[in-house]
Amino acid sequence: MTQFAIGTLACAAASAGAIAQPGFDDPPMHSSVELISETEGLNPETTTKLAFVFELDEGWHTYADTINDSGSPLLTFWSLPDGIEIGDPIWPASHRYTQAGGVLDHVYEDKLVLTMPVTVTPDAEVGTDVEISASLEWLVCDDSICVPQFDEVSITLPVVNSSKKSEHAGLFKETREGAGKLLTGGRDDRITVEWRGDTLVLSNMLGYGMSFIPGSDCTKPTDLYERGHSDTGKLELTFDFDDDPNGFVEGWVRLHKVEGQTTVPIENKLFFFHLKRGMKPSLIVGDSH
């Protein structure tokens, strides 16, 4: 636990308009975390997945690594043995969380499964066990109070020539399947995408409302509090490309039912896209047309 990290979480709690509880050295836990693996072992020269699984008390939320007006996302400090490399976490789609005064955050409630790739280098010795551990610091809030959380997690896995799926493999599959359908410009997208200068227009004709959830690397939208949610079936999102002329627009569109509207039943209500200014959706993320 570092004083800098404590200060970061404390400032986030204060800026959220909530009161941080005293006693940061031993704060009350309103969440728990576990480190799990998709496979029972690790194979040299291969990549598999690990995941932090957060369980949150009812009524509490934690923050996504994206555009937030107040809350702070997870801080991770890894302790890794030789031959083990951990990639960047893969954040799932979050939910809009608004507060009085135009405050907008993107949060997770109940449960967060945060996956990350783990790669074993060729010099890892088959037949040995490796311990992967991490110190974690994150923030949880309810409607009135924010509390920093601290924990340490670890997992010990054998280095083997071949490995079976672990008991948690189903959760990893469920997480991948829930990542959202990629917008490709095809007829089954359910959402149309059109650029008008620096404004991205997203529409559906199915009677659903729409919300935009920015990804971690998204160019900053203008007035996301007002323009990022609509009950009309259309979003008009303008982005600040002046400071980021080569930036991407990355994120999800989430469809929601609107009271009094008749909707067409559809299987997918979450859609992902990654576009450059003026780019149309493609089967290949990052491809331009």
Protein backbone atom coordinates (compact mmCIF):
# COMPACT_ATOMS: atom_id res chain seq x y z
CA MET A 1 0.00 0.00 0.00
CA THR A 2 1.50 3.35 -1.05
CA GLN A 3 0.76 6.80 0.31
CA PHE A 4 0.43 8.09 -3.26
CA ALA A 5 -2.23 5.50 -4.11
CA ILE A 6 -4.11 6.20 -0.88
CA GLY A 7 -4.13 9.89 -1.70
CA THR A 8 -5.33 9.18 -5.24
CA LEU A 9 -8.27 7.12 -4.01
CA ALA A 10 -9.08 9.61 -1.27
CA CYS A 11 -9.17 12.49 -3.77
CA ALA A 12 -11.41 10.45 -6.05
CA ALA A 13 -13.79 9.81 -3.17
CA ALA A 14 -13.94 13.48 -2.31
CA SER A 15 -14.43 14.61 -5.91
CA ALA A 16 -17.32 12.17 -6.30
CA GLY A 17 -19.35 14.33 -3.92
CA ALA A 18 -19.28 11.54 -1.35
CA ILE A 19 -17.56 11.41 2.02
CA ALA A 20 -14.70 8.93 2.33
CA GLN A 21 -14.83 6.93 5.52
CA PRO A 22 -11.91 7.46 7.93
CA GLY A 23 -9.28 4.85 8.69
CA PHE A 24 -7.84 4.18 5.22
CA ASP A 25 -5.32 1.78 6.73
CA ASP A 26 -8.17 -0.59 7.59
CA PRO A 27 -11.25 0.44 5.57
CA PRO A 28 -14.47 -1.61 5.68
CA MET A 29 -14.63 -4.05 2.79
CA HIS A 30 -17.68 -3.70 0.56
CA SER A 31 -16.18 -5.91 -2.15
CA SER A 32 -13.92 -8.91 -2.61
CA VAL A 33 -11.51 -10.03 -5.34
CA GLU A 34 -10.05 -13.32 -6.54
CA LEU A 35 -7.36 -14.09 -9.15
CA ILE A 36 -8.24 -17.02 -11.44
CA SER A 37 -6.83 -18.72 -14.55
CA GLU A 38 -8.54 -20.01 -17.68
CA THR A 39 -6.22 -23.04 -17.74
CA GLU A 40 -4.92 -25.40 -15.08
CA GLY A 41 -1.31 -24.72 -16.09
CA LEU A 42 0.88 -22.48 -18.23
CA ASN A 43 2.57 -23.58 -21.45
CA PRO A 44 5.90 -22.10 -22.61
CA GLU A 45 5.63 -19.84 -25.69
CA THR A 46 1.85 -19.55 -25.34
CA THR A 47 -0.62 -17.00 -24.05
CA THR A 48 -3.64 -17.71 -21.87
CA LYS A 49 -5.89 -15.57 -19.70
CA LEU A 50 -6.01 -14.61 -16.05
CA ALA A 51 -8.82 -12.62 -14.47
CA PHE A 52 -9.59 -10.54 -11.41
CA VAL A 53 -13.11 -11.38 -10.29
CA PHE A 54 -14.62 -8.63 -8.14
CA GLU A 55 -17.80 -9.22 -6.15
CA LEU A 56 -19.48 -6.05 -4.87
CA ASP A 57 -21.98 -5.64 -2.06
CA GLU A 58 -25.50 -4.72 -3.12
CA GLY A 59 -25.83 -1.00 -3.73
CA TRP A 60 -22.08 -0.44 -4.28
CA HIS A 61 -20.17 0.19 -7.50
CA THR A 62 -16.59 0.51 -8.76
CA TYR A 63 -15.16 2.44 -11.69
CA ALA A 64 -14.20 1.64 -15.27
CA ASP A 65 -10.91 2.71 -16.83
CA THR A 66 -12.54 5.28 -19.10
CA ILE A 67 -13.97 8.81 -19.04
CA ASN A 68 -15.14 9.60 -15.50
CA ASP A 69 -15.92 12.86 -13.75
CA SER A 70 -15.12 11.56 -10.28
CA GLY A 71 -14.22 7.94 -9.51
CA SER A 72 -10.82 6.32 -9.90
CA PRO A 73 -10.26 2.93 -11.58
CA LEU A 74 -8.25 -0.03 -10.32
CA LEU A 75 -4.53 0.26 -9.56
CA THR A 76 -2.51 -2.96 -9.95
CA PHE A 77 1.03 -3.69 -8.73
CA TRP A 78 2.24 -7.06 -10.05
CA SER A 79 4.88 -9.36 -8.57
CA LEU A 80 5.92 -11.72 -11.34
CA PRO A 81 8.45 -14.57 -11.52
CA ASP A 82 10.95 -14.80 -14.37
CA GLY A 83 9.41 -15.96 -17.62
CA ILE A 84 5.93 -14.54 -16.96
CA GLU A 85 4.56 -11.45 -18.72
CA ILE A 86 1.15 -9.86 -18.08
CA GLY A 87 -0.58 -7.78 -20.75
CA ASP A 88 -3.00 -4.88 -20.41
CA PRO A 89 -6.39 -5.66 -18.82
CA ILE A 90 -9.41 -6.05 -21.09
CA TRP A 91 -12.16 -3.89 -19.61
CA PRO A 92 -15.76 -4.95 -20.32
CA ALA A 93 -18.56 -2.52 -21.10
CA SER A 94 -19.60 -0.53 -18.04
CA HIS A 95 -22.82 1.35 -17.24
CA ARG A 96 -23.57 5.08 -17.10
CA TYR A 97 -23.90 6.45 -13.57
CA THR A 98 -25.13 10.03 -13.30
CA GLN A 99 -25.30 12.36 -10.31
CA ALA A 100 -26.71 15.81 -9.72
CA GLY A 101 -24.78 18.67 -11.26
CA GLY A 102 -23.98 16.90 -14.51
CA VAL A 103 -21.55 14.37 -12.99
CA LEU A 104 -21.10 11.28 -15.18
CA ASP A 105 -19.15 8.14 -14.33
CA HIS A 106 -18.94 4.68 -15.87
CA VAL A 107 -19.23 1.92 -13.30
CA TYR A 108 -19.71 -1.77 -12.56
CA GLU A 109 -22.17 -3.16 -10.04
CA ASP A 110 -22.52 -6.62 -8.50
CA LYS A 111 -19.64 -8.27 -10.39
CA LEU A 112 -16.65 -7.33 -12.55
CA VAL A 113 -14.57 -9.89 -14.44
CA LEU A 114 -11.40 -8.15 -15.62
CA THR A 115 -9.32 -10.41 -17.87
CA MET A 116 -5.73 -9.99 -18.96
CA PRO A 117 -3.36 -12.06 -21.13
CA VAL A 118 -0.48 -13.92 -19.49
CA THR A 119 2.41 -15.04 -21.67
CA VAL A 120 5.05 -17.64 -20.78
CA THR A 121 8.46 -17.04 -22.35
CA PRO A 122 10.39 -19.93 -24.00
CA ASP A 123 12.88 -20.15 -21.13
CA ALA A 124 10.23 -21.04 -18.54
CA GLU A 125 11.16 -24.43 -17.07
CA VAL A 126 8.60 -27.20 -17.56
CA GLY A 127 7.85 -29.01 -14.30
CA THR A 128 8.19 -25.98 -12.05
CA ASP A 129 5.45 -24.01 -10.31
CA VAL A 130 5.17 -20.25 -10.66
CA GLU A 131 3.41 -17.88 -8.27
CA ILE A 132 1.77 -14.80 -9.76
CA SER A 133 0.67 -12.18 -7.25
CA ALA A 134 -0.66 -8.63 -7.27
CA SER A 135 -1.44 -5.85 -4.82
CA LEU A 136 -4.69 -4.11 -5.75
CA GLU A 137 -6.19 -0.77 -4.81
CA TRP A 138 -9.65 0.28 -5.98
CA LEU A 139 -12.55 2.49 -4.99
CA VAL A 140 -16.13 1.53 -4.20
CA CYS A 141 -19.02 3.91 -3.61
CA ASP A 142 -22.70 3.83 -2.82
CA ASP A 143 -25.07 6.80 -3.09
CA SER A 144 -23.43 8.67 -0.21
CA ILE A 145 -20.04 7.20 0.75
CA CYS A 146 -16.83 6.19 -1.07
CA VAL A 147 -14.38 3.73 0.47
CA PRO A 148 -10.92 2.73 -0.81
CA GLN A 149 -10.31 -1.00 -0.93
CA PHE A 150 -6.97 -2.84 -0.65
CA ASP A 151 -6.16 -6.50 -1.14
CA GLU A 152 -3.46 -8.90 -2.29
CA VAL A 153 -4.22 -11.88 -4.51
CA SER A 154 -2.08 -14.69 -5.88
CA ILE A 155 -2.27 -17.88 -7.88
CA THR A 156 0.24 -20.72 -8.26
CA LEU A 157 0.27 -22.60 -11.57
CA PRO A 158 2.51 -25.36 -12.97
CA VAL A 159 4.54 -24.84 -16.15
CA VAL A 160 3.59 -27.77 -18.40
CA ASN A 161 3.86 -28.86 -22.02
CA SER A 162 0.08 -28.93 -22.39
CA SER A 163 -2.74 -27.83 -20.13
CA LYS A 164 -6.46 -28.41 -19.77
CA LYS A 165 -9.12 -25.80 -19.20
CA SER A 166 -9.66 -24.92 -15.57
CA GLU A 167 -12.90 -25.02 -13.59
CA HIS A 168 -13.25 -21.30 -14.36
CA ALA A 169 -13.13 -21.71 -18.16
CA GLY A 170 -16.89 -21.21 -18.43
CA LEU A 171 -16.65 -17.78 -16.81
CA PHE A 172 -13.97 -16.70 -19.32
CA LYS A 173 -16.18 -17.91 -22.19
CA GLU A 174 -19.18 -16.07 -20.76
CA THR A 175 -17.09 -12.89 -20.45
CA ARG A 176 -15.95 -13.09 -24.08
CA GLU A 177 -19.49 -13.72 -25.30
CA GLY A 178 -20.74 -10.72 -23.31
CA ALA A 179 -18.18 -8.34 -24.80
CA GLY A 180 -20.63 -7.03 -27.41
CA LYS A 181 -21.25 -7.67 -31.10
CA LEU A 182 -18.74 -5.99 -33.40
CA LEU A 183 -20.31 -3.45 -35.73
CA THR A 184 -19.21 -4.41 -39.25
CA GLY A 185 -21.46 -2.36 -41.52
CA GLY A 186 -23.45 -5.49 -42.37
CA ARG A 187 -27.23 -5.73 -42.61
CA ASP A 188 -27.53 -7.49 -39.25
CA ASP A 189 -25.80 -4.71 -37.29
CA ARG A 190 -29.13 -3.25 -36.10
CA ILE A 191 -27.32 0.11 -35.80
CA THR A 192 -26.33 2.48 -38.59
CA VAL A 193 -23.17 4.58 -38.37
CA GLU A 194 -22.67 7.88 -40.20
CA TRP A 195 -20.06 10.62 -39.90
CA ARG A 196 -21.02 14.27 -40.30
CA GLY A 197 -17.71 16.09 -39.90
CA ASP A 198 -16.53 15.41 -36.34
CA THR A 199 -19.99 14.18 -35.32
CA LEU A 200 -20.76 10.45 -35.26
CA VAL A 201 -24.46 9.67 -35.75
CA LEU A 202 -25.65 6.29 -34.44
CA SER A 203 -29.23 5.21 -35.15
CA ASN A 204 -31.56 2.28 -34.81
CA MET A 205 -35.09 1.88 -36.15
CA LEU A 206 -36.13 -0.81 -33.67
CA GLY A 207 -37.76 1.37 -31.01
CA TYR A 208 -34.83 1.10 -28.57
CA GLY A 209 -33.11 3.91 -26.72
CA MET A 210 -29.33 4.10 -26.88
CA SER A 211 -26.36 4.83 -24.63
CA PHE A 212 -22.72 5.29 -25.61
CA ILE A 213 -20.06 3.77 -23.33
CA PRO A 214 -16.56 5.04 -24.22
CA GLY A 215 -13.63 2.64 -24.21
CA SER A 216 -10.31 3.23 -22.46
CA ASP A 217 -8.62 4.77 -25.53
CA CYS A 218 -11.55 6.77 -26.87
CA THR A 219 -11.02 10.35 -28.03
CA LYS A 220 -12.90 12.58 -25.60
CA PRO A 221 -16.52 13.25 -26.58
CA THR A 222 -18.15 16.66 -26.12
CA ASP A 223 -20.88 16.88 -23.45
CA LEU A 224 -21.19 13.13 -22.96
CA TYR A 225 -23.53 13.66 -19.99
CA GLU A 226 -26.28 15.10 -22.24
CA ARG A 227 -25.44 13.54 -25.60
CA GLY A 228 -24.36 10.05 -24.57
CA HIS A 229 -27.87 8.82 -23.76
CA SER A 230 -31.07 9.00 -25.79
CA ASP A 231 -34.59 7.54 -25.78
CA THR A 232 -35.18 8.50 -29.43
CA GLY A 233 -33.17 5.79 -31.19
CA LYS A 234 -30.43 8.22 -32.24
CA LEU A 235 -27.16 9.48 -30.74
CA GLU A 236 -25.17 12.38 -32.14
CA LEU A 237 -21.70 12.30 -30.62
CA THR A 238 -19.14 15.03 -31.29
CA PHE A 239 -15.49 14.43 -30.49
CA ASP A 240 -12.59 16.77 -29.78
CA PHE A 241 -10.10 15.86 -32.50
CA ASP A 242 -8.21 19.18 -32.22
CA ASP A 243 -5.92 17.80 -29.52
CA ASP A 244 -6.07 14.24 -30.86
CA PRO A 245 -6.24 14.44 -34.70
CA ASN A 246 -5.26 10.79 -35.15
CA GLY A 247 -7.41 9.50 -32.32
CA PHE A 248 -9.96 6.72 -32.47
CA VAL A 249 -13.56 6.55 -31.36
CA GLU A 250 -13.85 3.34 -29.39
CA GLY A 251 -16.61 1.97 -27.24
CA TRP A 252 -19.99 0.34 -27.01
CA VAL A 253 -23.57 1.21 -27.86
CA ARG A 254 -26.05 -0.28 -25.43
CA LEU A 255 -29.71 -0.54 -26.46
CA HIS A 256 -32.43 -0.19 -23.82
CA LYS A 257 -36.20 -0.41 -23.85
CA VAL A 258 -38.13 2.85 -23.72
CA GLU A 259 -41.36 2.98 -21.74
CA GLY A 260 -44.35 3.09 -24.08
CA GLN A 261 -42.32 2.07 -27.14
CA THR A 262 -42.93 -1.15 -29.04
CA THR A 263 -39.63 -2.92 -29.66
CA VAL A 264 -38.52 -5.68 -31.98
CA PRO A 265 -37.07 -8.62 -30.03
CA ILE A 266 -33.32 -8.91 -30.72
CA GLU A 267 -30.62 -11.20 -29.36
CA ASN A 268 -27.84 -8.61 -29.00
CA LYS A 269 -28.30 -5.28 -27.24
CA LEU A 270 -24.60 -4.42 -26.86
CA PHE A 271 -22.44 -3.42 -29.83
CA PHE A 272 -18.72 -2.59 -29.99
CA PHE A 273 -16.88 -0.42 -32.51
CA HIS A 274 -13.42 1.06 -33.07
CA LEU A 275 -13.32 3.77 -35.72
CA LYS A 276 -11.12 6.57 -36.93
CA ARG A 277 -12.71 9.88 -37.91
CA GLY A 278 -14.67 9.36 -41.13
CA MET A 279 -14.21 5.58 -41.01
CA LYS A 280 -17.09 3.17 -41.56
CA PRO A 281 -17.44 -0.08 -39.58
CA SER A 282 -15.45 -2.99 -40.90
CA LEU A 283 -15.03 -6.71 -40.35
CA ILE A 284 -11.44 -5.85 -39.38
CA VAL A 285 -11.14 -3.58 -36.34
CA GLY A 286 -9.15 -0.51 -37.36
CA ASP A 287 -9.59 -1.10 -41.11
CA SER A 288 -10.72 1.94 -43.12
CA HIS A 289 -13.04 2.21 -46.12
